[in-house]
Protein backbone atom coordinates (compact mmCIF):
# COMPACT_ATOMS: atom_id res chain seq x y z
CA UNK A 1 41.93 87.39 78.80
CA UNK A 2 38.13 87.38 78.74
CA UNK A 3 38.07 88.92 75.26
CA UNK A 4 40.23 86.07 73.95
CA UNK A 5 37.89 83.46 75.41
CA UNK A 6 34.92 85.28 73.89
CA UNK A 7 36.56 85.24 70.47
CA UNK A 8 37.30 81.53 70.73
CA UNK A 9 33.70 80.86 71.79
CA UNK A 10 32.40 82.89 68.84
CA UNK A 11 34.70 81.03 66.46
CA UNK A 12 33.55 77.64 67.78
CA UNK A 13 29.90 78.72 67.46
CA UNK A 14 30.48 79.78 63.85
CA UNK A 15 32.25 76.51 63.08
CA UNK A 16 29.36 74.58 64.62
CA UNK A 17 26.84 76.50 62.47
CA UNK A 18 28.92 75.73 59.36
CA UNK A 19 28.94 72.07 60.42
CA UNK A 20 25.16 72.08 60.73
CA UNK A 21 24.86 73.61 57.26
CA UNK A 22 27.20 70.92 55.93
CA UNK A 23 25.10 68.19 57.57
CA UNK A 24 21.93 69.66 56.11
CA UNK A 25 23.60 69.40 52.71
CA UNK A 26 25.11 65.91 53.14
CA UNK A 27 24.02 63.59 56.00
CA UNK A 28 26.46 62.29 58.60
CA UNK A 29 26.39 58.69 57.37
CA UNK A 30 28.16 59.76 54.16
CA UNK A 31 31.97 59.70 54.44
CA UNK A 32 34.17 62.76 53.98
CA UNK A 33 35.35 62.05 50.43
CA UNK A 34 31.86 61.13 49.24
CA UNK A 35 30.45 64.22 51.00
CA UNK A 36 33.00 66.36 49.21
CA UNK A 37 31.81 65.01 45.87
CA UNK A 38 28.14 65.22 46.90
CA UNK A 39 28.17 68.98 47.24
CA UNK A 40 30.34 70.08 50.16
CA UNK A 41 33.16 71.27 47.91
CA UNK A 42 30.74 73.56 46.12
CA UNK A 43 29.15 74.73 49.38
CA UNK A 44 32.60 75.50 50.82
CA UNK A 45 33.45 77.52 47.73
CA UNK A 46 30.12 79.37 47.92
CA UNK A 47 30.71 80.45 51.54
CA UNK A 48 34.39 81.24 51.03
CA UNK A 49 36.17 78.46 52.94
CA UNK A 50 38.20 75.47 51.84
CA UNK A 51 36.84 71.97 51.46
CA UNK A 52 39.08 70.80 54.32
CA UNK A 53 37.64 73.52 56.57
CA UNK A 54 34.03 72.57 55.87
CA UNK A 55 34.84 68.90 56.41
CA UNK A 56 36.48 69.79 59.74
CA UNK A 57 33.39 71.77 60.78
CA UNK A 58 31.22 68.82 59.80
CA UNK A 59 33.33 66.41 61.85
CA UNK A 60 33.28 68.84 64.79
CA UNK A 61 29.48 69.02 64.68
CA UNK A 62 29.11 65.25 64.38
CA UNK A 63 31.56 64.42 67.16
CA UNK A 64 31.20 67.46 69.38
CA UNK A 65 34.97 67.26 69.83
CA UNK A 66 36.93 70.42 69.24
CA UNK A 67 39.99 68.37 68.23
CA UNK A 68 38.26 67.85 64.87
CA UNK A 69 39.12 71.50 64.20
CA UNK A 70 42.89 71.04 64.69
CA UNK A 71 44.75 72.81 61.96
CA UNK A 72 42.10 75.37 61.21
């Protein structure tokens, strides 16, 4: 059980770090679709995730709400 919680915690930490990277690339006041066009699609491709995944990480980091990651 503990190993599963550790894996989830590690995944959330990684998603948060990706969100921070996304916010360093495109600030929070820019909407998702504009952020995608402003460089997040390319960043996602460069790090090997989808655009939807990087946008979810960005929303998670902005909101601090894990529900932003639903579906990933």
